[in-house]
């Protein structure tokens, strides 16, 4: 039997995204968007931002600026149970 080495997957690259909120728009409204238009999201300004990896929320935090670039400061790591739930 071959030894299982879980450490070989630790260097795999995964796509990560920050989720600020969501909004439902009709196709007509999307096509009518232009520079300067504002799309309101369903999340309060003080609510944490979700770090989503592989369609799962793995952490929550806040957006900060570091050396002129946006960055993400982790304030909470989600529970193992929540990491199993797919973001809808």
PDB file of N, CA and C in Angstrom:
ATOM      1  N   UNK A   1       0.841  -1.184   0.000  1.00  0.00           N
ATOM      2  CA  UNK A   1       0.000   0.000   0.000  1.00  0.00           C
ATOM      3  C   UNK A   1       0.884   1.245   0.000  1.00  0.00           C
ATOM      4  N   UNK A   2       0.516   2.236  -0.795  1.00  0.00           N
ATOM      5  CA  UNK A   2       1.279   3.471  -0.905  1.00  0.00           C
ATOM      6  C   UNK A   2       0.937   4.406   0.246  1.00  0.00           C
ATOM      7  N   UNK A   3       1.964   5.053   0.790  1.00  0.00           N
ATOM      8  CA  UNK A   3       1.731   6.037   1.853  1.00  0.00           C
ATOM      9  C   UNK A   3       0.987   7.236   1.296  1.00  0.00           C
ATOM     10  N   UNK A   4       0.005   7.717   2.027  1.00  0.00           N
ATOM     11  CA  UNK A   4      -0.738   8.915   1.650  1.00  0.00           C
ATOM     12  C   UNK A   4       0.000  10.118   2.221  1.00  0.00           C
ATOM     13  N   UNK A   5       0.317  11.083   1.333  1.00  0.00           N
ATOM     14  CA  UNK A   5       1.058  12.268   1.762  1.00  0.00           C
ATOM     15  C   UNK A   5       0.206  13.507   1.531  1.00  0.00           C
ATOM     16  N   UNK A   6      -0.579  13.923   2.533  1.00  0.00           N
ATOM     17  CA  UNK A   6      -1.438  15.096   2.344  1.00  0.00           C
ATOM     18  C   UNK A   6      -0.650  16.382   2.118  1.00  0.00           C
ATOM     19  N   UNK A   7       0.636  16.400   2.499  1.00  0.00           N
ATOM     20  CA  UNK A   7       1.435  17.612   2.334  1.00  0.00           C
ATOM     21  C   UNK A   7       1.697  17.961   0.869  1.00  0.00           C
ATOM     22  N   UNK A   8       1.510  17.002  -0.057  1.00  0.00           N
ATOM     23  CA  UNK A   8       1.784  17.296  -1.464  1.00  0.00           C
ATOM     24  C   UNK A   8       0.747  18.246  -2.061  1.00  0.00           C
ATOM     25  N   UNK A   9      -0.409  18.388  -1.429  1.00  0.00           N
ATOM     26  CA  UNK A   9      -1.429  19.305  -1.950  1.00  0.00           C
ATOM     27  C   UNK A   9      -1.300  20.711  -1.352  1.00  0.00           C
ATOM     28  N   UNK A  10      -0.425  20.881  -0.369  1.00  0.00           N
ATOM     29  CA  UNK A  10      -0.320  22.177   0.303  1.00  0.00           C
ATOM     30  C   UNK A  10       0.228  23.275  -0.597  1.00  0.00           C
ATOM     31  N   UNK A  11       0.912  22.943  -1.666  1.00  0.00           N
ATOM     32  CA  UNK A  11       1.449  23.938  -2.593  1.00  0.00           C
ATOM     33  C   UNK A  11       0.537  24.188  -3.791  1.00  0.00           C
ATOM     34  N   UNK A  12      -0.628  23.570  -3.801  1.00  0.00           N
ATOM     35  CA  UNK A  12      -1.572  23.809  -4.891  1.00  0.00           C
ATOM     36  C   UNK A  12      -2.092  25.242  -4.823  1.00  0.00           C
ATOM     37  N   UNK A  13      -2.263  25.850  -5.998  1.00  0.00           N
ATOM     38  CA  UNK A  13      -2.810  27.201  -6.045  1.00  0.00           C
ATOM     39  C   UNK A  13      -4.316  27.123  -6.207  1.00  0.00           C
ATOM     40  N   UNK A  14      -5.021  27.932  -5.418  1.00  0.00           N
ATOM     41  CA  UNK A  14      -6.472  28.000  -5.467  1.00  0.00           C
ATOM     42  C   UNK A  14      -6.890  29.438  -5.732  1.00  0.00           C
ATOM     43  N   UNK A  15      -7.995  29.608  -6.426  1.00  0.00           N
ATOM     44  CA  UNK A  15      -8.512  30.949  -6.678  1.00  0.00           C
ATOM     45  C   UNK A  15      -9.277  31.424  -5.446  1.00  0.00           C
ATOM     46  N   UNK A  16      -8.973  32.625  -5.009  1.00  0.00           N
ATOM     47  CA  UNK A  16      -9.649  33.224  -3.866  1.00  0.00           C
ATOM     48  C   UNK A  16     -10.303  34.521  -4.311  1.00  0.00           C
ATOM     49  N   UNK A  17     -11.465  34.810  -3.744  1.00  0.00           N
ATOM     50  CA  UNK A  17     -12.190  36.035  -4.087  1.00  0.00           C
ATOM     51  C   UNK A  17     -12.785  36.639  -2.823  1.00  0.00           C
ATOM     52  N   UNK A  18     -12.920  37.944  -2.810  1.00  0.00           N
ATOM     53  CA  UNK A  18     -13.591  38.620  -1.709  1.00  0.00           C
ATOM     54  C   UNK A  18     -15.023  38.897  -2.132  1.00  0.00           C
ATOM     55  N   UNK A  19     -15.954  38.574  -1.249  1.00  0.00           N
ATOM     56  CA  UNK A  19     -17.368  38.793  -1.544  1.00  0.00           C
ATOM     57  C   UNK A  19     -17.879  39.917  -0.648  1.00  0.00           C
ATOM     58  N   UNK A  20     -18.202  41.030  -1.286  1.00  0.00           N
ATOM     59  CA  UNK A  20     -18.690  42.212  -0.569  1.00  0.00           C
ATOM     60  C   UNK A  20     -20.193  42.172  -0.376  1.00  0.00           C
ATOM     61  N   UNK A  21     -20.898  41.469  -1.216  1.00  0.00           N
ATOM     62  CA  UNK A  21     -22.354  41.430  -1.174  1.00  0.00           C
ATOM     63  C   UNK A  21     -22.877  41.035  -2.532  1.00  0.00           C
ATOM     64  N   UNK A  22     -24.181  41.085  -2.673  1.00  0.00           N
ATOM     65  CA  UNK A  22     -24.796  40.683  -3.936  1.00  0.00           C
ATOM     66  C   UNK A  22     -25.987  41.578  -4.223  1.00  0.00           C
ATOM     67  N   UNK A  23     -26.415  41.536  -5.471  1.00  0.00           N
ATOM     68  CA  UNK A  23     -27.580  42.284  -5.902  1.00  0.00           C
ATOM     69  C   UNK A  23     -28.184  41.564  -7.094  1.00  0.00           C
ATOM     70  N   UNK A  24     -29.489  41.549  -7.181  1.00  0.00           N
ATOM     71  CA  UNK A  24     -30.150  40.958  -8.331  1.00  0.00           C
ATOM     72  C   UNK A  24     -30.558  42.073  -9.276  1.00  0.00           C
ATOM     73  N   UNK A  25     -30.151  41.937 -10.539  1.00  0.00           N
ATOM     74  CA  UNK A  25     -30.473  42.918 -11.560  1.00  0.00           C
ATOM     75  C   UNK A  25     -31.046  42.200 -12.773  1.00  0.00           C
ATOM     76  N   UNK A  26     -31.958  42.850 -13.442  1.00  0.00           N
ATOM     77  CA  UNK A  26     -32.447  42.291 -14.700  1.00  0.00           C
ATOM     78  C   UNK A  26     -31.369  42.507 -15.756  1.00  0.00           C
ATOM     79  N   UNK A  27     -31.423  41.736 -16.813  1.00  0.00           N
ATOM     80  CA  UNK A  27     -30.478  41.901 -17.904  1.00  0.00           C
ATOM     81  C   UNK A  27     -30.572  43.315 -18.464  1.00  0.00           C
ATOM     82  N   UNK A  28     -31.777  43.842 -18.544  1.00  0.00           N
ATOM     83  CA  UNK A  28     -31.987  45.209 -19.032  1.00  0.00           C
ATOM     84  C   UNK A  28     -31.195  46.215 -18.179  1.00  0.00           C
ATOM     85  N   UNK A  29     -31.254  46.035 -16.843  1.00  0.00           N
ATOM     86  CA  UNK A  29     -30.536  46.951 -15.945  1.00  0.00           C
ATOM     87  C   UNK A  29     -29.020  46.802 -16.081  1.00  0.00           C
ATOM     88  N   UNK A  30     -28.552  45.572 -16.247  1.00  0.00           N
ATOM     89  CA  UNK A  30     -27.110  45.338 -16.413  1.00  0.00           C
ATOM     90  C   UNK A  30     -26.619  45.997 -17.694  1.00  0.00           C
ATOM     91  N   UNK A  31     -27.360  45.826 -18.775  1.00  0.00           N
ATOM     92  CA  UNK A  31     -26.950  46.407 -20.051  1.00  0.00           C
ATOM     93  C   UNK A  31     -27.009  47.932 -20.037  1.00  0.00           C
ATOM     94  N   UNK A  32     -27.819  48.489 -19.143  1.00  0.00           N
ATOM     95  CA  UNK A  32     -27.942  49.942 -19.069  1.00  0.00           C
ATOM     96  C   UNK A  32     -26.870  50.581 -18.176  1.00  0.00           C
ATOM     97  N   UNK A  33     -26.061  49.764 -17.489  1.00  0.00           N
ATOM     98  CA  UNK A  33     -25.032  50.318 -16.594  1.00  0.00           C
ATOM     99  C   UNK A  33     -23.994  51.096 -17.387  1.00  0.00           C
ATOM    100  N   UNK A  34     -23.531  52.156 -16.782  1.00  0.00           N
ATOM    101  CA  UNK A  34     -22.495  52.961 -17.408  1.00  0.00           C
ATOM    102  C   UNK A  34     -21.562  53.522 -16.353  1.00  0.00           C
ATOM    103  N   UNK A  35     -20.501  54.202 -16.782  1.00  0.00           N
ATOM    104  CA  UNK A  35     -19.559  54.799 -15.834  1.00  0.00           C
ATOM    105  C   UNK A  35     -20.277  55.726 -14.850  1.00  0.00           C
ATOM    106  N   UNK A  36     -19.968  55.553 -13.588  1.00  0.00           N
ATOM    107  CA  UNK A  36     -20.562  56.399 -12.552  1.00  0.00           C
ATOM    108  C   UNK A  36     -21.830  55.834 -11.949  1.00  0.00           C
ATOM    109  N   UNK A  37     -22.424  54.812 -12.558  1.00  0.00           N
ATOM    110  CA  UNK A  37     -23.622  54.195 -11.992  1.00  0.00           C
ATOM    111  C   UNK A  37     -23.242  53.442 -10.721  1.00  0.00           C
ATOM    112  N   UNK A  38     -24.189  53.336  -9.816  1.00  0.00           N
ATOM    113  CA  UNK A  38     -23.966  52.663  -8.530  1.00  0.00           C
ATOM    114  C   UNK A  38     -24.920  51.483  -8.425  1.00  0.00           C
ATOM    115  N   UNK A  39     -24.394  50.319  -8.051  1.00  0.00           N
ATOM    116  CA  UNK A  39     -25.213  49.134  -7.812  1.00  0.00           C
ATOM    117  C   UNK A  39     -25.195  48.876  -6.310  1.00  0.00           C
ATOM    118  N   UNK A  40     -26.356  48.964  -5.696  1.00  0.00           N
ATOM    119  CA  UNK A  40     -26.452  48.764  -4.248  1.00  0.00           C
ATOM    120  C   UNK A  40     -26.385  47.273  -3.925  1.00  0.00           C
ATOM    121  N   UNK A  41     -25.598  46.920  -2.912  1.00  0.00           N
ATOM    122  CA  UNK A  41     -25.433  45.527  -2.497  1.00  0.00           C
ATOM    123  C   UNK A  41     -26.279  45.238  -1.267  1.00  0.00           C
ATOM    124  N   UNK A  42     -26.474  43.974  -0.980  1.00  0.00           N
ATOM    125  CA  UNK A  42     -27.322  43.552   0.136  1.00  0.00           C
ATOM    126  C   UNK A  42     -26.565  43.425   1.459  1.00  0.00           C
ATOM    127  N   UNK A  43     -25.432  44.083   1.570  1.00  0.00           N
ATOM    128  CA  UNK A  43     -24.622  43.960   2.773  1.00  0.00           C
ATOM    129  C   UNK A  43     -24.389  45.330   3.390  1.00  0.00           C
ATOM    130  N   UNK A  44     -24.510  45.410   4.705  1.00  0.00           N
ATOM    131  CA  UNK A  44     -24.297  46.660   5.432  1.00  0.00           C
ATOM    132  C   UNK A  44     -22.823  47.037   5.418  1.00  0.00           C
ATOM    133  N   UNK A  45     -22.542  48.303   5.452  1.00  0.00           N
ATOM    134  CA  UNK A  45     -21.174  48.812   5.408  1.00  0.00           C
ATOM    135  C   UNK A  45     -20.296  48.209   6.511  1.00  0.00           C
ATOM    136  N   UNK A  46     -20.858  48.009   7.692  1.00  0.00           N
ATOM    137  CA  UNK A  46     -20.075  47.487   8.815  1.00  0.00           C
ATOM    138  C   UNK A  46     -19.936  45.964   8.806  1.00  0.00           C
ATOM    139  N   UNK A  47     -20.657  45.283   7.917  1.00  0.00           N
ATOM    140  CA  UNK A  47     -20.595  43.814   7.866  1.00  0.00           C
ATOM    141  C   UNK A  47     -19.236  43.364   7.342  1.00  0.00           C
ATOM    142  N   UNK A  48     -18.724  42.250   7.852  1.00  0.00           N
ATOM    143  CA  UNK A  48     -17.433  41.763   7.365  1.00  0.00           C
ATOM    144  C   UNK A  48     -17.515  41.288   5.920  1.00  0.00           C
ATOM    145  N   UNK A  49     -16.368  41.289   5.264  1.00  0.00           N
ATOM    146  CA  UNK A  49     -16.231  40.809   3.893  1.00  0.00           C
ATOM    147  C   UNK A  49     -15.842  39.332   3.965  1.00  0.00           C
ATOM    148  N   UNK A  50     -16.390  38.509   3.061  1.00  0.00           N
ATOM    149  CA  UNK A  50     -16.098  37.076   3.058  1.00  0.00           C
ATOM    150  C   UNK A  50     -14.945  36.763   2.112  1.00  0.00           C
ATOM    151  N   UNK A  51     -14.016  35.925   2.566  1.00  0.00           N
ATOM    152  CA  UNK A  51     -12.969  35.379   1.709  1.00  0.00           C
ATOM    153  C   UNK A  51     -13.472  34.023   1.230  1.00  0.00           C
ATOM    154  N   UNK A  52     -13.687  33.903  -0.086  1.00  0.00           N
ATOM    155  CA  UNK A  52     -14.267  32.693  -0.663  1.00  0.00           C
ATOM    156  C   UNK A  52     -13.185  31.963  -1.459  1.00  0.00           C
ATOM    157  N   UNK A  53     -13.001  30.681  -1.133  1.00  0.00           N
ATOM    158  CA  UNK A  53     -12.051  29.824  -1.852  1.00  0.00           C
ATOM    159  C   UNK A  53     -12.807  28.574  -2.275  1.00  0.00           C
ATOM    160  N   UNK A  54     -12.811  28.309  -3.564  1.00  0.00           N
ATOM    161  CA  UNK A  54     -13.504  27.121  -4.051  1.00  0.00           C
ATOM    162  C   UNK A  54     -14.973  27.097  -3.693  1.00  0.00           C
ATOM    163  N   UNK A  55     -15.659  28.218  -3.801  1.00  0.00           N
ATOM    164  CA  UNK A  55     -17.084  28.352  -3.515  1.00  0.00           C
ATOM    165  C   UNK A  55     -17.423  28.153  -2.037  1.00  0.00           C
ATOM    166  N   UNK A  56     -16.436  28.289  -1.165  1.00  0.00           N
ATOM    167  CA  UNK A  56     -16.680  28.142   0.268  1.00  0.00           C
ATOM    168  C   UNK A  56     -16.082  29.325   1.017  1.00  0.00           C
ATOM    169  N   UNK A  57     -16.799  29.815   2.007  1.00  0.00           N
ATOM    170  CA  UNK A  57     -16.291  30.912   2.834  1.00  0.00           C
ATOM    171  C   UNK A  57     -15.293  30.321   3.823  1.00  0.00           C
ATOM    172  N   UNK A  58     -14.050  30.797   3.777  1.00  0.00           N
ATOM    173  CA  UNK A  58     -13.026  30.260   4.677  1.00  0.00           C
ATOM    174  C   UNK A  58     -12.632  31.263   5.756  1.00  0.00           C
ATOM    175  N   UNK A  59     -12.928  32.547   5.527  1.00  0.00           N
ATOM    176  CA  UNK A  59     -12.579  33.561   6.524  1.00  0.00           C
ATOM    177  C   UNK A  59     -13.437  34.794   6.295  1.00  0.00           C
ATOM    178  N   UNK A  60     -13.471  35.638   7.311  1.00  0.00           N
ATOM    179  CA  UNK A  60     -14.142  36.940   7.220  1.00  0.00           C
ATOM    180  C   UNK A  60     -13.167  37.989   7.705  1.00  0.00           C
ATOM    181  N   UNK A  61     -13.373  39.195   7.203  1.00  0.00           N
ATOM    182  CA  UNK A  61     -12.478  40.256   7.615  1.00  0.00           C
ATOM    183  C   UNK A  61     -12.878  41.587   7.033  1.00  0.00           C
ATOM    184  N   UNK A  62     -11.864  42.428   6.816  1.00  0.00           N
ATOM    185  CA  UNK A  62     -12.117  43.773   6.315  1.00  0.00           C
ATOM    186  C   UNK A  62     -11.109  44.118   5.235  1.00  0.00           C
ATOM    187  N   UNK A  63     -11.526  44.997   4.353  1.00  0.00           N
ATOM    188  CA  UNK A  63     -10.647  45.472   3.292  1.00  0.00           C
ATOM    189  C   UNK A  63      -9.833  46.635   3.844  1.00  0.00           C
ATOM    190  N   UNK A  64      -8.531  46.587   3.602  1.00  0.00           N
ATOM    191  CA  UNK A  64      -7.617  47.652   4.047  1.00  0.00           C
ATOM    192  C   UNK A  64      -6.745  48.047   2.858  1.00  0.00           C
ATOM    193  N   UNK A  65      -6.023  49.134   3.012  1.00  0.00           N
ATOM    194  CA  UNK A  65      -5.090  49.574   1.977  1.00  0.00           C
ATOM    195  C   UNK A  65      -3.677  49.425   2.513  1.00  0.00           C
ATOM    196  N   UNK A  66      -2.806  48.747   1.742  1.00  0.00           N
ATOM    197  CA  UNK A  66      -1.411  48.542   2.117  1.00  0.00           C
ATOM    198  C   UNK A  66      -0.548  48.986   0.937  1.00  0.00           C
ATOM    199  N   UNK A  67       0.286  49.982   1.161  1.00  0.00           N
ATOM    200  CA  UNK A  67       1.169  50.495   0.100  1.00  0.00           C
ATOM    201  C   UNK A  67       0.407  50.844  -1.179  1.00  0.00           C
ATOM    202  N   UNK A  68      -0.773  51.421  -1.016  1.00  0.00           N
ATOM    203  CA  UNK A  68      -1.556  51.843  -2.170  1.00  0.00           C
ATOM    204  C   UNK A  68      -2.345  50.739  -2.849  1.00  0.00           C
ATOM    205  N   UNK A  69      -2.323  49.530  -2.289  1.00  0.00           N
ATOM    206  CA  UNK A  69      -3.069  48.403  -2.855  1.00  0.00           C
ATOM    207  C   UNK A  69      -4.120  47.929  -1.859  1.00  0.00           C
ATOM    208  N   UNK A  70      -5.232  47.414  -2.397  1.00  0.00           N
ATOM    209  CA  UNK A  70      -6.216  46.814  -1.519  1.00  0.00           C
ATOM    210  C   UNK A  70      -5.652  45.521  -0.938  1.00  0.00           C
ATOM    211  N   UNK A  71      -6.036  45.237   0.315  1.00  0.00           N
ATOM    212  CA  UNK A  71      -5.614  44.009   0.987  1.00  0.00           C
ATOM    213  C   UNK A  71      -6.771  43.547   1.870  1.00  0.00           C
ATOM    214  N   UNK A  72      -6.652  42.362   2.398  1.00  0.00           N
ATOM    215  CA  UNK A  72      -7.694  41.766   3.231  1.00  0.00           C
ATOM    216  C   UNK A  72      -7.106  41.425   4.589  1.00  0.00           C
ATOM    217  N   UNK A  73      -7.698  41.968   5.639  1.00  0.00           N
ATOM    218  CA  UNK A  73      -7.271  41.664   7.008  1.00  0.00           C
ATOM    219  C   UNK A  73      -8.244  40.650   7.593  1.00  0.00           C
ATOM    220  N   UNK A  74      -7.749  39.469   7.935  1.00  0.00           N
ATOM    221  CA  UNK A  74      -8.587  38.407   8.501  1.00  0.00           C
ATOM    222  C   UNK A  74      -8.936  38.764   9.938  1.00  0.00           C
ATOM    223  N   UNK A  75     -10.237  38.739  10.240  1.00  0.00           N
ATOM    224  CA  UNK A  75     -10.689  38.970  11.610  1.00  0.00           C
ATOM    225  C   UNK A  75     -11.315  37.721  12.215  1.00  0.00           C
ATOM    226  N   UNK A  76     -11.678  36.761  11.338  1.00  0.00           N
ATOM    227  CA  UNK A  76     -12.324  35.535  11.804  1.00  0.00           C
ATOM    228  C   UNK A  76     -12.084  34.427  10.782  1.00  0.00           C
ATOM    229  N   UNK A  77     -11.713  33.262  11.268  1.00  0.00           N
ATOM    230  CA  UNK A  77     -11.608  32.074  10.413  1.00  0.00           C
ATOM    231  C   UNK A  77     -12.877  31.269  10.654  1.00  0.00           C
ATOM    232  N   UNK A  78     -13.550  30.881   9.579  1.00  0.00           N
ATOM    233  CA  UNK A  78     -14.818  30.176   9.737  1.00  0.00           C
ATOM    234  C   UNK A  78     -14.612  28.789  10.326  1.00  0.00           C
ATOM    235  N   UNK A  79     -15.674  28.258  10.881  1.00  0.00           N
ATOM    236  CA  UNK A  79     -15.626  26.927  11.482  1.00  0.00           C
ATOM    237  C   UNK A  79     -15.484  25.874  10.388  1.00  0.00           C
ATOM    238  N   UNK A  80     -14.945  24.711  10.720  1.00  0.00           N
ATOM    239  CA  UNK A  80     -14.851  23.644   9.716  1.00  0.00           C
ATOM    240  C   UNK A  80     -16.215  23.320   9.092  1.00  0.00           C
ATOM    241  N   UNK A  81     -17.283  23.358   9.884  1.00  0.00           N
ATOM    242  CA  UNK A  81     -18.624  23.066   9.358  1.00  0.00           C
ATOM    243  C   UNK A  81     -19.024  24.099   8.309  1.00  0.00           C
ATOM    244  N   UNK A  82     -18.766  25.378   8.569  1.00  0.00           N
ATOM    245  CA  UNK A  82     -19.137  26.426   7.618  1.00  0.00           C
ATOM    246  C   UNK A  82     -18.299  26.323   6.349  1.00  0.00           C
ATOM    247  N   UNK A  83     -17.041  25.899   6.472  1.00  0.00           N
ATOM    248  CA  UNK A  83     -16.185  25.751   5.287  1.00  0.00           C
ATOM    249  C   UNK A  83     -16.676  24.669   4.351  1.00  0.00           C
ATOM    250  N   UNK A  84     -17.524  23.776   4.832  1.00  0.00           N
ATOM    251  CA  UNK A  84     -18.090  22.719   3.993  1.00  0.00           C
ATOM    252  C   UNK A  84     -19.300  23.202   3.190  1.00  0.00           C
ATOM    253  N   UNK A  85     -19.901  24.321   3.620  1.00  0.00           N
ATOM    254  CA  UNK A  85     -21.105  24.819   2.956  1.00  0.00           C
ATOM    255  C   UNK A  85     -20.727  25.646   1.727  1.00  0.00           C
ATOM    256  N   UNK A  86     -21.373  25.379   0.614  1.00  0.00           N
ATOM    257  CA  UNK A  86     -21.120  26.096  -0.623  1.00  0.00           C
ATOM    258  C   UNK A  86     -21.832  27.438  -0.583  1.00  0.00           C
ATOM    259  N   UNK A  87     -21.162  28.484  -1.028  1.00  0.00           N
ATOM    260  CA  UNK A  87     -21.758  29.810  -1.080  1.00  0.00           C
ATOM    261  C   UNK A  87     -22.847  29.816  -2.135  1.00  0.00           C
ATOM    262  N   UNK A  88     -23.986  30.336  -1.793  1.00  0.00           N
ATOM    263  CA  UNK A  88     -25.090  30.398  -2.752  1.00  0.00           C
ATOM    264  C   UNK A  88     -25.333  31.812  -3.156  1.00  0.00           C
TER     265      UNK A  88
END
